[in-house]
Amino acid sequence: MAKTSKKDSAYARAGVDIDEMMDGLTAVKRMVKRTATKGVLSDIGSFGGLFEAPSKGHVLVASTDGVGTKLKVAVMAGRHDTVGRDLVNHCVNDILVQGASPLFFLDYVGTARLSGRIFCDVVKGLCRACRENGCALLGGETAEMPGLYPRGEYDLVGTIVGSVEKKKLITGESVRAGDVIIGLPSSGLHTNGYSLARKVVFERARLKIGDTFPGTRKSVADVLLAPHRSYLKAVKAVMSEVRVRGMAHITGGGLVDNLPRILPPDTMALIDRETWRVPPVFRFIQERGKVDYDEMFRVFNMGIGYVLVVKKRDVATAIGVLRAKRERAVIIGKVAKGRKRVSLSP
């Protein structure tokens, strides 16, 4: 069957170029293959990815998430090699909360018209993060849908599957009053709160993407596109030394809404906001946007991207392990008797 030229293709004239999509897939196959791990049983391009099941006694843990409107900042900056890292790391952290290590990752890219360069940059970020987290990029979907997405923009979503030994599954059920809450620093906004952040930074403060971000020596692009951190290696090191009772990934909803997800019904979290220094990006958004301080703690992570709950007697060991991994871990609060909520002070 003769190949239809772009000039003759009705589908291309309607906005979908199959040839460019296939060329893009061919270009990234080598990158994706370098993420393969021991359990991978298929090459990219099959209708379904194959991965060998974990051994008996393991539980599969899965999560799906997206990058949100941080993608608009990537488009403004013309920088697309970090959002893939954002997505993988976010998903890795989500299943890490239950003690799981990632096995494989699947991505979805939806756009009005595929740009081969942008697609390759996005996949480059996905592959880098998959290699860093020891999981395989097993496959995904790329969809061109003109009329659904604005021209020049795209959506990025991912699904991760990991596993954990059933006896090592962490649910938060064992959290008790008297336990200590340890916070790990974020690298910035991570992937949450960008609708508010963009409004304040670009509309109210009228900053440009290449301007220096107030309170820093970095550009607006560098600050807003700082990759979402993965806490996998540091947290796994702690789990090998002490029994972690509960963990939370601080995403949309901040400490206020995420910590209660792992608390038993008769407990509450007491958080001391003076135990860490809130990074400049959050202080700027609060001041220039005139955002209430308590609301800031529900929209953003405010500098704490991940928390662990351990017994009081295990705190010194946990902190020591984390600092050996170059984590600036800090005790940010404790668990007390209460009604499944977070109390922020002062």
Protein backbone atom coordinates (compact mmCIF):
# COMPACT_ATOMS: atom_id res chain seq x y z
CA MET A 1 0.00 0.00 0.00
CA ALA A 2 1.44 3.33 -1.06
CA LYS A 3 2.21 5.85 1.69
CA THR A 4 0.01 8.94 1.51
CA SER A 5 2.02 12.17 1.41
CA LYS A 6 1.33 14.94 3.91
CA LYS A 7 0.09 17.06 1.04
CA ASP A 8 -2.50 14.44 0.07
CA SER A 9 -3.49 13.38 3.58
CA ALA A 10 -6.98 14.49 4.60
CA TYR A 11 -6.16 13.55 8.21
CA ALA A 12 -3.06 15.78 8.20
CA ARG A 13 -5.11 18.65 6.78
CA ALA A 14 -7.58 18.09 9.65
CA GLY A 15 -4.73 18.49 12.12
CA VAL A 16 -3.45 14.97 12.82
CA ASP A 17 -0.14 13.95 11.22
CA ILE A 18 0.28 10.18 11.64
CA ASP A 19 3.74 10.22 10.05
CA GLU A 20 5.09 12.75 12.55
CA MET A 21 3.62 10.75 15.43
CA MET A 22 5.22 7.51 14.21
CA ASP A 23 8.54 9.26 13.58
CA GLY A 24 8.41 10.60 17.13
CA LEU A 25 7.78 7.12 18.55
CA THR A 26 10.67 5.70 16.57
CA ALA A 27 12.98 8.43 17.86
CA VAL A 28 12.27 7.71 21.53
CA LYS A 29 12.40 3.89 21.40
CA ARG A 30 16.11 3.77 22.20
CA MET A 31 15.66 6.08 25.21
CA VAL A 32 12.77 4.01 26.52
CA LYS A 33 14.66 0.74 26.08
CA ARG A 34 17.36 2.01 28.45
CA THR A 35 14.77 2.10 31.26
CA ALA A 36 14.12 -1.66 31.00
CA THR A 37 14.49 -3.59 34.24
CA LYS A 38 14.68 -7.29 35.03
CA GLY A 39 10.89 -7.83 34.91
CA VAL A 40 10.28 -6.35 31.44
CA LEU A 41 9.12 -8.99 28.95
CA SER A 42 8.20 -6.85 25.92
CA ASP A 43 9.50 -4.00 23.77
CA ILE A 44 7.72 -0.68 23.43
CA GLY A 45 5.22 -0.66 20.58
CA SER A 46 3.14 -3.67 21.57
CA PHE A 47 -0.56 -3.21 22.28
CA GLY A 48 0.17 -3.98 25.91
CA GLY A 49 3.35 -3.95 27.96
CA LEU A 50 4.45 -7.17 29.64
CA PHE A 51 6.01 -7.34 33.09
CA GLU A 52 6.72 -10.40 35.20
CA ALA A 53 4.52 -10.63 38.31
CA PRO A 54 6.17 -10.19 41.72
CA SER A 55 6.73 -13.24 43.88
CA LYS A 56 4.08 -14.67 46.18
CA GLY A 57 3.42 -12.61 49.30
CA HIS A 58 3.72 -9.26 47.50
CA VAL A 59 0.99 -6.65 47.01
CA LEU A 60 0.72 -4.51 43.87
CA VAL A 61 0.29 -0.78 44.49
CA ALA A 62 -0.84 1.50 41.64
CA SER A 63 -1.41 5.23 41.22
CA THR A 64 -2.32 7.66 38.44
CA ASP A 65 -1.59 11.38 38.36
CA GLY A 66 -0.81 14.33 36.11
CA VAL A 67 1.41 17.41 36.02
CA GLY A 68 -1.46 19.91 36.01
CA THR A 69 -1.07 23.51 34.88
CA LYS A 70 2.67 23.43 35.50
CA LEU A 71 2.61 22.42 31.83
CA LYS A 72 1.58 25.97 30.93
CA VAL A 73 4.81 27.24 32.49
CA ALA A 74 6.77 24.66 30.48
CA VAL A 75 5.11 25.93 27.29
CA MET A 76 5.84 29.57 28.22
CA ALA A 77 9.50 28.74 28.87
CA GLY A 78 9.83 26.41 25.87
CA ARG A 79 11.34 23.89 28.27
CA HIS A 80 9.86 20.40 28.28
CA ASP A 81 12.55 18.08 29.65
CA THR A 82 11.57 18.49 33.33
CA VAL A 83 7.83 17.78 33.32
CA GLY A 84 8.41 14.08 32.63
CA ARG A 85 10.59 13.92 35.74
CA ASP A 86 7.84 15.71 37.67
CA LEU A 87 5.30 13.11 36.66
CA VAL A 88 7.36 10.00 37.40
CA ASN A 89 8.67 11.30 40.73
CA HIS A 90 5.19 12.36 41.84
CA CYS A 91 3.80 8.92 41.12
CA VAL A 92 6.79 7.18 42.75
CA ASN A 93 6.20 9.15 45.95
CA ASP A 94 2.50 8.31 45.95
CA ILE A 95 3.07 4.56 46.10
CA LEU A 96 6.10 4.94 48.36
CA VAL A 97 3.69 6.15 51.06
CA GLN A 98 2.51 2.54 51.38
CA GLY A 99 6.04 1.18 51.29
CA ALA A 100 6.04 0.16 47.61
CA SER A 101 8.95 0.26 45.19
CA PRO A 102 8.09 1.05 41.54
CA LEU A 103 8.06 -1.70 38.91
CA PHE A 104 6.89 0.07 35.75
CA PHE A 105 5.37 3.29 34.46
CA LEU A 106 2.93 4.15 31.65
CA ASP A 107 2.43 7.63 30.21
CA TYR A 108 -0.26 9.47 28.28
CA VAL A 109 0.39 12.55 26.15
CA GLY A 110 -2.62 14.34 24.68
CA THR A 111 -2.21 17.29 22.33
CA ALA A 112 -3.80 19.17 19.44
CA ARG A 113 -0.82 18.52 17.20
CA LEU A 114 2.27 16.55 18.09
CA SER A 115 5.62 18.30 17.99
CA GLY A 116 8.40 15.77 17.57
CA ARG A 117 10.89 17.95 19.48
CA ILE A 118 8.58 18.53 22.44
CA PHE A 119 7.56 14.87 22.53
CA CYS A 120 11.21 13.77 22.62
CA ASP A 121 12.01 16.25 25.40
CA VAL A 122 9.07 15.04 27.49
CA VAL A 123 10.04 11.39 27.04
CA LYS A 124 13.67 12.26 27.85
CA GLY A 125 12.47 13.48 31.25
CA LEU A 126 10.29 10.41 31.76
CA CYS A 127 13.20 8.10 30.95
CA ARG A 128 15.66 9.93 33.18
CA ALA A 129 13.32 9.70 36.18
CA CYS A 130 12.48 6.06 35.48
CA ARG A 131 16.18 5.18 35.45
CA GLU A 132 16.79 7.16 38.65
CA ASN A 133 13.93 5.37 40.40
CA GLY A 134 14.75 1.91 39.04
CA CYS A 135 11.50 1.39 37.16
CA ALA A 136 10.76 0.64 33.52
CA LEU A 137 8.89 2.91 31.13
CA LEU A 138 6.74 0.09 29.83
CA GLY A 139 4.60 1.92 27.31
CA GLY A 140 2.00 4.63 26.92
CA GLU A 141 -0.33 6.49 24.59
CA THR A 142 0.14 9.56 22.43
CA ALA A 143 -3.08 11.13 21.14
CA GLU A 144 -3.54 14.00 18.71
CA MET A 145 -6.96 15.62 19.18
CA PRO A 146 -7.25 18.99 17.43
CA GLY A 147 -10.20 20.95 18.76
CA LEU A 148 -9.94 19.41 22.22
CA TYR A 149 -6.57 20.88 23.24
CA PRO A 150 -5.40 24.44 22.47
CA ARG A 151 -2.79 24.49 19.73
CA GLY A 152 0.74 24.42 21.15
CA GLU A 153 -0.32 22.88 24.47
CA TYR A 154 -0.52 19.32 25.74
CA ASP A 155 -1.54 17.21 28.71
CA LEU A 156 0.70 14.71 30.48
CA VAL A 157 -0.57 11.90 32.71
CA GLY A 158 1.05 8.77 34.07
CA THR A 159 0.25 5.50 35.82
CA ILE A 160 2.72 3.67 38.02
CA VAL A 161 2.63 0.13 39.38
CA GLY A 162 4.85 -1.00 42.23
CA SER A 163 4.99 -3.76 44.79
CA VAL A 164 5.61 -4.29 48.49
CA GLU A 165 5.77 -7.35 50.69
CA LYS A 166 2.35 -7.72 52.30
CA LYS A 167 3.89 -7.89 55.78
CA LYS A 168 5.73 -4.60 55.11
CA LEU A 169 2.70 -2.69 53.79
CA ILE A 170 2.38 0.74 55.47
CA THR A 171 -1.16 2.04 56.00
CA GLY A 172 -0.91 4.37 58.99
CA GLU A 173 -3.09 2.06 61.10
CA SER A 174 -0.27 1.62 63.62
CA VAL A 175 0.23 5.37 64.16
CA ARG A 176 -0.25 6.26 67.83
CA ALA A 177 -0.31 9.37 70.03
CA GLY A 178 3.26 10.23 70.98
CA ASP A 179 4.73 9.34 67.59
CA VAL A 180 7.01 11.89 65.93
CA ILE A 181 6.51 13.50 62.51
CA ILE A 182 9.62 14.04 60.37
CA GLY A 183 9.51 16.34 57.36
CA LEU A 184 11.62 16.18 54.21
CA PRO A 185 12.13 19.37 52.16
CA SER A 186 10.51 19.97 48.80
CA SER A 187 12.33 21.48 45.83
CA GLY A 188 9.63 24.12 45.40
CA LEU A 189 6.02 23.95 44.27
CA HIS A 190 6.49 20.40 42.93
CA THR A 191 3.32 19.86 40.83
CA ASN A 192 0.61 21.59 42.85
CA GLY A 193 -0.91 25.05 43.16
CA TYR A 194 0.16 26.31 39.74
CA SER A 195 -3.17 27.92 38.87
CA LEU A 196 -2.77 30.25 41.84
CA ALA A 197 1.00 30.61 41.42
CA ARG A 198 0.67 31.60 37.75
CA LYS A 199 -2.03 34.15 38.54
CA VAL A 200 0.13 35.82 41.19
CA VAL A 201 3.47 35.63 39.35
CA PHE A 202 2.38 36.53 35.83
CA GLU A 203 -0.83 38.56 36.30
CA ARG A 204 -0.44 40.40 39.59
CA ALA A 205 3.35 40.71 39.82
CA ARG A 206 3.68 40.91 36.01
CA LEU A 207 6.92 38.95 36.00
CA LYS A 208 8.25 37.51 32.75
CA ILE A 209 9.46 33.94 32.39
CA GLY A 210 13.10 35.08 32.09
CA ASP A 211 13.04 37.57 34.97
CA THR A 212 14.90 36.90 38.20
CA PHE A 213 12.50 35.50 40.76
CA PRO A 214 12.34 37.85 43.80
CA GLY A 215 14.29 36.58 46.80
CA THR A 216 16.44 34.26 44.66
CA ARG A 217 19.19 34.38 42.04
CA LYS A 218 17.23 32.11 39.72
CA SER A 219 14.94 32.90 36.82
CA VAL A 220 11.18 32.60 37.07
CA ALA A 221 11.42 29.58 34.77
CA ASP A 222 14.01 27.88 36.97
CA VAL A 223 11.99 28.43 40.15
CA LEU A 224 8.61 27.37 38.74
CA LEU A 225 9.97 24.42 36.74
CA ALA A 226 12.17 23.00 39.53
CA PRO A 227 11.49 19.22 39.26
CA HIS A 228 9.28 17.45 41.75
CA ARG A 229 11.59 15.44 44.04
CA SER A 230 11.62 11.67 44.46
CA TYR A 231 12.07 10.51 48.07
CA LEU A 232 12.42 6.84 47.19
CA LYS A 233 16.07 6.18 48.02
CA ALA A 234 16.13 8.12 51.27
CA VAL A 235 12.87 6.68 52.56
CA LYS A 236 13.80 3.11 51.61
CA ALA A 237 17.01 3.55 53.59
CA VAL A 238 14.98 4.55 56.66
CA MET A 239 12.58 1.64 56.17
CA SER A 240 15.53 -0.77 56.26
CA GLU A 241 16.54 0.50 59.72
CA VAL A 242 13.31 1.33 61.58
CA ARG A 243 9.63 0.47 61.42
CA VAL A 244 7.95 3.45 59.77
CA ARG A 245 4.37 3.73 61.05
CA GLY A 246 2.97 6.10 58.45
CA MET A 247 3.96 8.37 55.56
CA ALA A 248 2.35 11.11 53.51
CA HIS A 249 3.22 12.72 50.19
CA ILE A 250 2.44 16.43 50.56
CA THR A 251 0.68 17.36 47.33
CA GLY A 252 -2.54 19.29 46.62
CA GLY A 253 -4.21 20.02 49.96
CA GLY A 254 -0.86 20.49 51.68
CA LEU A 255 -0.13 19.16 55.15
CA VAL A 256 -3.66 20.01 56.25
CA ASP A 257 -5.44 17.58 53.92
CA ASN A 258 -2.76 14.96 53.25
CA LEU A 259 -1.65 14.03 56.76
CA PRO A 260 -5.17 13.04 57.96
CA ARG A 261 -5.29 10.44 55.17
CA ILE A 262 -2.91 8.24 57.18
CA LEU A 263 -4.11 9.02 60.71
CA PRO A 264 -6.26 6.61 62.76
CA PRO A 265 -9.66 8.07 63.76
CA ASP A 266 -8.59 8.86 67.34
CA THR A 267 -5.43 10.82 66.50
CA MET A 268 -4.43 14.24 65.21
CA ALA A 269 -1.20 15.82 63.97
CA LEU A 270 0.30 18.81 65.76
CA ILE A 271 2.57 20.70 63.35
CA ASP A 272 4.92 23.50 64.41
CA ARG A 273 5.32 25.84 61.45
CA GLU A 274 8.44 27.43 62.92
CA THR A 275 10.50 24.22 62.68
CA TRP A 276 11.45 24.90 59.07
CA ARG A 277 12.02 27.95 56.88
CA VAL A 278 9.40 28.47 54.18
CA PRO A 279 11.17 28.93 50.78
CA PRO A 280 11.04 32.33 49.02
CA VAL A 281 8.66 31.20 46.26
CA PHE A 282 5.88 30.57 48.78
CA ARG A 283 6.51 33.77 50.72
CA PHE A 284 6.37 35.76 47.47
CA ILE A 285 3.08 34.16 46.40
CA GLN A 286 1.54 34.80 49.81
CA GLU A 287 2.64 38.46 50.00
CA ARG A 288 2.01 39.53 46.39
CA GLY A 289 -1.17 37.49 46.10
CA LYS A 290 -2.43 38.57 49.53
CA VAL A 291 -3.21 34.91 50.23
CA ASP A 292 -4.22 33.96 53.76
CA TYR A 293 -1.42 32.08 55.57
CA ASP A 294 -3.68 29.16 56.47
CA GLU A 295 -4.88 28.88 52.87
CA MET A 296 -1.27 28.73 51.69
CA PHE A 297 -0.89 25.57 53.79
CA ARG A 298 -3.85 23.97 52.02
CA VAL A 299 -2.80 24.89 48.47
CA PHE A 300 0.98 24.35 48.65
CA ASN A 301 3.50 22.06 50.33
CA MET A 302 5.17 25.16 51.86
CA GLY A 303 8.61 23.56 51.74
CA ILE A 304 7.78 20.11 53.14
CA GLY A 305 7.29 17.56 50.38
CA TYR A 306 7.09 14.30 52.32
CA VAL A 307 6.59 13.21 55.93
CA LEU A 308 7.34 10.08 57.94
CA VAL A 309 5.78 9.08 61.25
CA VAL A 310 7.95 6.98 63.56
CA LYS A 311 8.04 5.97 67.22
CA LYS A 312 9.79 8.47 69.48
CA ARG A 313 12.54 5.94 70.24
CA ASP A 314 13.30 5.58 66.49
CA VAL A 315 13.66 9.29 65.73
CA ALA A 316 17.43 9.54 66.19
CA THR A 317 18.06 6.52 63.95
CA ALA A 318 15.68 7.78 61.25
CA ILE A 319 17.17 11.28 61.25
CA GLY A 320 20.69 9.83 61.13
CA VAL A 321 19.87 7.66 58.11
CA LEU A 322 18.23 10.57 56.30
CA ARG A 323 21.13 12.91 56.91
CA ALA A 324 23.53 10.24 55.69
CA LYS A 325 21.49 10.41 52.47
CA ARG A 326 22.00 14.21 52.47
CA GLU A 327 18.39 14.88 53.38
CA ARG A 328 17.76 18.02 55.44
CA ALA A 329 15.27 16.16 57.60
CA VAL A 330 13.58 18.05 60.43
CA ILE A 331 11.14 17.14 63.19
CA ILE A 332 8.03 19.17 62.36
CA GLY A 333 5.53 17.85 64.89
CA LYS A 334 3.98 14.97 66.74
CA VAL A 335 0.88 12.82 66.88
CA ALA A 336 -1.61 13.42 69.70
CA LYS A 337 -5.05 12.19 70.68
CA GLY A 338 -7.74 13.94 68.70
CA ARG A 339 -10.22 13.82 65.81
CA LYS A 340 -8.22 12.97 62.65
CA ARG A 341 -7.07 16.44 61.72
CA VAL A 342 -4.02 18.69 61.54
CA SER A 343 -3.40 21.54 63.94
CA LEU A 344 -0.91 24.16 62.71
CA SER A 345 0.86 26.42 65.17
CA PRO A 346 1.72 29.13 65.78
